[in-house]
C-alpha atoms as a PDB file:
ATOM      1  CA  MET A   1      76.053 136.172 128.301  1.00  0.00           C
ATOM      2  CA  ASN A   2      79.767 137.057 127.682  1.00  0.00           C
ATOM      3  CA  GLU A   3      82.009 138.504 130.579  1.00  0.00           C
ATOM      4  CA  THR A   4      80.736 142.104 129.731  1.00  0.00           C
ATOM      5  CA  GLY A   5      77.210 140.948 130.364  1.00  0.00           C
ATOM      6  CA  THR A   6      76.287 141.354 126.748  1.00  0.00           C
ATOM      7  CA  GLY A   7      75.983 138.872 123.725  1.00  0.00           C
ATOM      8  CA  PRO A   8      76.191 135.044 123.847  1.00  0.00           C
ATOM      9  CA  ALA A   9      77.903 133.290 126.505  1.00  0.00           C
ATOM     10  CA  PHE A  10      81.615 132.467 125.687  1.00  0.00           C
ATOM     11  CA  ARG A  11      82.416 128.750 125.549  1.00  0.00           C
ATOM     12  CA  PRO A  12      85.788 127.802 125.352  1.00  0.00           C
ATOM     13  CA  GLN A  13      86.495 124.787 123.000  1.00  0.00           C
ATOM     14  CA  PHE A  14      89.639 122.560 123.170  1.00  0.00           C
ATOM     15  CA  GLU A  15      92.196 123.305 120.650  1.00  0.00           C
ATOM     16  CA  LEU A  16      93.623 119.870 119.583  1.00  0.00           C
ATOM     17  CA  GLY A  17      97.326 119.881 120.326  1.00  0.00           C
ATOM     18  CA  THR A  18      97.072 122.404 123.265  1.00  0.00           C
ATOM     19  CA  ASP A  19      94.345 121.918 125.730  1.00  0.00           C
ATOM     20  CA  GLY A  20      92.274 118.878 127.069  1.00  0.00           C
ATOM     21  CA  PRO A  21      92.462 115.345 126.818  1.00  0.00           C
ATOM     22  CA  GLY A  22      94.404 114.074 123.695  1.00  0.00           C
ATOM     23  CA  ALA A  23      96.652 111.290 122.475  1.00  0.00           C
ATOM     24  CA  ILE A  24      99.395 110.679 119.477  1.00  0.00           C
ATOM     25  CA  VAL A  25      97.798 108.034 117.278  1.00  0.00           C
ATOM     26  CA  VAL A  26     100.276 105.880 115.092  1.00  0.00           C
ATOM     27  CA  GLY A  27      99.754 103.233 112.821  1.00  0.00           C
ATOM     28  CA  LEU A  28     101.596  99.833 113.353  1.00  0.00           C
ATOM     29  CA  ASP A  29     101.824  96.989 110.904  1.00  0.00           C
ATOM     30  CA  GLY A  30     105.125  95.556 111.827  1.00  0.00           C
ATOM     31  CA  SER A  31     106.829  97.019 109.092  1.00  0.00           C
ATOM     32  CA  THR A  32     110.229  98.724 109.408  1.00  0.00           C
ATOM     33  CA  PRO A  33     108.776 102.041 108.796  1.00  0.00           C
ATOM     34  CA  SER A  34     105.914 101.613 110.960  1.00  0.00           C
ATOM     35  CA  LEU A  35     108.293 100.752 113.830  1.00  0.00           C
ATOM     36  CA  ARG A  36     110.202 104.021 112.995  1.00  0.00           C
ATOM     37  CA  ALA A  37     106.906 105.723 113.306  1.00  0.00           C
ATOM     38  CA  ALA A  38     106.388 104.120 116.632  1.00  0.00           C
ATOM     39  CA  ALA A  39     109.748 105.244 118.062  1.00  0.00           C
ATOM     40  CA  TYR A  40     109.101 108.944 116.767  1.00  0.00           C
ATOM     41  CA  ALA A  41     105.609 108.873 118.022  1.00  0.00           C
ATOM     42  CA  ALA A  42     106.629 107.797 121.347  1.00  0.00           C
ATOM     43  CA  GLY A  43     109.231 110.488 121.510  1.00  0.00           C
ATOM     44  CA  LEU A  44     106.522 113.063 120.666  1.00  0.00           C
ATOM     45  CA  ALA A  45     103.995 111.642 123.210  1.00  0.00           C
ATOM     46  CA  ARG A  46     106.862 111.733 125.895  1.00  0.00           C
ATOM     47  CA  ARG A  47     107.514 115.348 125.131  1.00  0.00           C
ATOM     48  CA  GLN A  48     104.023 116.386 125.054  1.00  0.00           C
ATOM     49  CA  ARG A  49     103.012 114.275 128.148  1.00  0.00           C
ATOM     50  CA  THR A  50     100.209 112.761 126.229  1.00  0.00           C
ATOM     51  CA  ARG A  51      98.916 109.250 125.609  1.00  0.00           C
ATOM     52  CA  LEU A  52     100.378 107.052 122.873  1.00  0.00           C
ATOM     53  CA  VAL A  53      97.711 105.052 120.929  1.00  0.00           C
ATOM     54  CA  ALA A  54      99.212 102.369 118.424  1.00  0.00           C
ATOM     55  CA  VAL A  55      96.743 100.975 116.128  1.00  0.00           C
ATOM     56  CA  TYR A  56      97.028  97.852 114.215  1.00  0.00           C
ATOM     57  CA  VAL A  57      94.377  97.154 111.501  1.00  0.00           C
ATOM     58  CA  ARG A  58      93.774  93.665 110.634  1.00  0.00           C
ATOM     59  CA  THR A  59      92.549  92.528 107.136  1.00  0.00           C
ATOM     60  CA  ARG A  60      88.992  91.359 107.253  1.00  0.00           C
ATOM     61  CA  ALA A  61      88.611  87.365 106.723  1.00  0.00           C
ATOM     62  CA  ALA A  62      86.355  88.229 103.672  1.00  0.00           C
ATOM     63  CA  ALA A  63      89.087  89.998 101.913  1.00  0.00           C
ATOM     64  CA  PHE A  64      91.063  86.763 101.956  1.00  0.00           C
ATOM     65  CA  LEU A  65      88.430  85.219  99.892  1.00  0.00           C
ATOM     66  CA  SER A  66      90.349  86.166  96.549  1.00  0.00           C
ATOM     67  CA  LEU A  67      93.345  84.104  98.047  1.00  0.00           C
ATOM     68  CA  ALA A  68      91.560  81.089  98.874  1.00  0.00           C
ATOM     69  CA  ASP A  69      92.500  78.027  97.182  1.00  0.00           C
ATOM     70  CA  HIS A  70      89.127  76.300  97.770  1.00  0.00           C
ATOM     71  CA  SER A  71      90.554  74.297 100.648  1.00  0.00           C
ATOM     72  CA  GLY A  72      90.817  77.531 103.102  1.00  0.00           C
ATOM     73  CA  ILE A  73      94.588  77.004 103.503  1.00  0.00           C
ATOM     74  CA  ALA A  74      95.464  80.569 102.231  1.00  0.00           C
ATOM     75  CA  ILE A  75      92.871  82.108 104.512  1.00  0.00           C
ATOM     76  CA  THR A  76      94.090  80.210 107.434  1.00  0.00           C
ATOM     77  CA  THR A  77      97.695  81.096 106.723  1.00  0.00           C
ATOM     78  CA  ALA A  78      96.908  84.654 106.425  1.00  0.00           C
ATOM     79  CA  ILE A  79      94.879  84.924 109.624  1.00  0.00           C
ATOM     80  CA  ALA A  80      97.625  83.157 111.499  1.00  0.00           C
ATOM     81  CA  ALA A  81     100.055  85.564 109.980  1.00  0.00           C
ATOM     82  CA  GLN A  82      97.865  88.519 111.473  1.00  0.00           C
ATOM     83  CA  ASP A  83      97.534  86.764 114.846  1.00  0.00           C
ATOM     84  CA  GLU A  84     101.436  86.350 115.152  1.00  0.00           C
ATOM     85  CA  THR A  85     101.827  90.143 113.945  1.00  0.00           C
ATOM     86  CA  GLU A  86      99.461  91.273 116.618  1.00  0.00           C
ATOM     87  CA  ALA A  87     101.075  89.246 119.428  1.00  0.00           C
ATOM     88  CA  GLN A  88     104.333  90.740 118.428  1.00  0.00           C
ATOM     89  CA  LEU A  89     102.858  94.239 118.341  1.00  0.00           C
ATOM     90  CA  ARG A  90     101.125  93.855 121.813  1.00  0.00           C
ATOM     91  CA  ASP A  91     104.500  92.598 123.339  1.00  0.00           C
ATOM     92  CA  LEU A  92     106.320  95.250 121.749  1.00  0.00           C
ATOM     93  CA  VAL A  93     103.963  98.029 122.963  1.00  0.00           C
ATOM     94  CA  HIS A  94     103.830  96.542 126.516  1.00  0.00           C
ATOM     95  CA  SER A  95     107.432  96.273 126.897  1.00  0.00           C
ATOM     96  CA  HIS A  96     108.536  99.540 125.163  1.00  0.00           C
ATOM     97  CA  SER A  97     105.905 101.774 126.992  1.00  0.00           C
ATOM     98  CA  ARG A  98     108.180 101.550 130.069  1.00  0.00           C
ATOM     99  CA  VAL A  99     111.491 102.255 128.036  1.00  0.00           C
ATOM    100  CA  TRP A 100     109.703 105.199 126.141  1.00  0.00           C
ATOM    101  CA  ASP A 101     108.276 106.302 129.560  1.00  0.00           C
ATOM    102  CA  VAL A 102     104.772 106.876 127.951  1.00  0.00           C
ATOM    103  CA  ASP A 103     101.396 105.739 128.604  1.00  0.00           C
ATOM    104  CA  ALA A 104     101.047 103.621 125.697  1.00  0.00           C
ATOM    105  CA  ARG A 105      98.349 100.931 124.408  1.00  0.00           C
ATOM    106  CA  LEU A 106      97.525  99.074 121.257  1.00  0.00           C
ATOM    107  CA  VAL A 107      94.224  99.013 119.779  1.00  0.00           C
ATOM    108  CA  VAL A 108      93.402  96.162 117.383  1.00  0.00           C
ATOM    109  CA  ARG A 109      90.430  96.314 114.948  1.00  0.00           C
ATOM    110  CA  SER A 110      89.678  95.194 111.425  1.00  0.00           C
ATOM    111  CA  GLY A 111      88.755  97.132 108.282  1.00  0.00           C
ATOM    112  CA  ASP A 112      90.103  99.655 105.972  1.00  0.00           C
ATOM    113  CA  PRO A 113      93.178 101.377 107.503  1.00  0.00           C
ATOM    114  CA  LEU A 114      92.054 104.788 106.784  1.00  0.00           C
ATOM    115  CA  ASN A 115      88.747 104.522 108.300  1.00  0.00           C
ATOM    116  CA  VAL A 116      90.162 102.643 111.395  1.00  0.00           C
ATOM    117  CA  LEU A 117      92.997 105.323 111.966  1.00  0.00           C
ATOM    118  CA  SER A 118      90.603 107.861 111.407  1.00  0.00           C
ATOM    119  CA  ASP A 119      87.796 106.385 114.057  1.00  0.00           C
ATOM    120  CA  VAL A 120      90.568 105.848 116.563  1.00  0.00           C
ATOM    121  CA  ALA A 121      91.970 109.239 116.217  1.00  0.00           C
ATOM    122  CA  ARG A 122      88.369 110.736 116.680  1.00  0.00           C
ATOM    123  CA  GLU A 123      87.778 108.697 119.667  1.00  0.00           C
ATOM    124  CA  VAL A 124      90.853 109.473 121.638  1.00  0.00           C
ATOM    125  CA  HIS A 125      90.889 113.116 120.638  1.00  0.00           C
ATOM    126  CA  ALA A 126      94.118 112.730 118.670  1.00  0.00           C
ATOM    127  CA  GLU A 127      96.580 115.758 118.494  1.00  0.00           C
ATOM    128  CA  ALA A 128      98.174 114.061 115.415  1.00  0.00           C
ATOM    129  CA  VAL A 129      98.704 110.884 113.703  1.00  0.00           C
ATOM    130  CA  ILE A 130     101.843 109.382 112.732  1.00  0.00           C
ATOM    131  CA  VAL A 131     102.466 106.732 110.176  1.00  0.00           C
ATOM    132  CA  GLY A 132     105.241 105.118 108.472  1.00  0.00           C
ATOM    133  CA  LYS A 133     106.135 105.597 104.814  1.00  0.00           C
ATOM    134  CA  SER A 134     104.548 103.135 102.432  1.00  0.00           C
ATOM    135  CA  ALA A 135     106.923 100.803 100.324  1.00  0.00           C
ATOM    136  CA  SER A 136     104.019  99.879  97.909  1.00  0.00           C
ATOM    137  CA  VAL A 137     104.338 100.663  94.251  1.00  0.00           C
ATOM    138  CA  ALA A 138     100.517 100.613  94.042  1.00  0.00           C
ATOM    139  CA  HIS A 139     100.255 103.297  96.537  1.00  0.00           C
ATOM    140  CA  ARG A 140     102.015 105.741  94.108  1.00  0.00           C
ATOM    141  CA  ILE A 141      98.795 105.278  91.837  1.00  0.00           C
ATOM    142  CA  ALA A 142      95.889 104.802  94.333  1.00  0.00           C
ATOM    143  CA  GLY A 143      97.639 107.024  96.992  1.00  0.00           C
ATOM    144  CA  SER A 144      99.044 106.224 100.239  1.00  0.00           C
ATOM    145  CA  LEU A 145      97.466 106.030 103.539  1.00  0.00           C
ATOM    146  CA  ALA A 146      99.264 109.002 104.655  1.00  0.00           C
ATOM    147  CA  VAL A 147      98.041 111.266 101.751  1.00  0.00           C
ATOM    148  CA  ARG A 148      94.585 109.837 102.324  1.00  0.00           C
ATOM    149  CA  LEU A 149      94.891 110.801 105.949  1.00  0.00           C
ATOM    150  CA  VAL A 150      95.968 114.451 105.120  1.00  0.00           C
ATOM    151  CA  HIS A 151      92.879 114.661 102.594  1.00  0.00           C
ATOM    152  CA  CYS A 152      90.791 113.938 105.554  1.00  0.00           C
ATOM    153  CA  GLY A 153      91.992 117.211 107.233  1.00  0.00           C
ATOM    154  CA  ARG A 154      91.422 116.482 110.584  1.00  0.00           C
ATOM    155  CA  TRP A 155      94.860 116.039 112.257  1.00  0.00           C
ATOM    156  CA  PRO A 156      98.284 116.869 111.586  1.00  0.00           C
ATOM    157  CA  VAL A 157      99.660 113.917 109.974  1.00  0.00           C
ATOM    158  CA  THR A 158     103.488 112.872 109.943  1.00  0.00           C
ATOM    159  CA  VAL A 159     105.052 110.615 107.524  1.00  0.00           C
ATOM    160  CA  VAL A 160     108.179 108.629 108.930  1.00  0.00           C
ATOM    161  CA  PRO A 161     110.571 107.273 106.180  1.00  0.00           C
END
């Protein structure tokens, strides 16, 4: 019953960005645009008094098979590079969360960046997703991560140059 005693009961639902638990999700890959996006997202999270969830998406080892030179050196090098990037991003988020004065954490997963960012955003009830501008020429043809996120239509997406 509603408040007048007639009809179905009113059940308020959370509107993302205004009520209930939420977070700002930012994609991080160590590039300059992604670091700018993290700084922008941190400021937004601080002003909105919400959590900051930085997401680093590792490439699956199977994706490196095309790089393999049959000795595995290329795969080993690529995985080591991802390990180093992850460690740097973990240190950055940990140290800067105090500077930014926000509750920030790093989530690391393997897979397709669109799917991983979408999954994390859904899990943390994201109010917005922030990404850095892609510098890749291939993205002009296949579509950038930001454009693909916008097409998902679930969250406001901000692209930081």
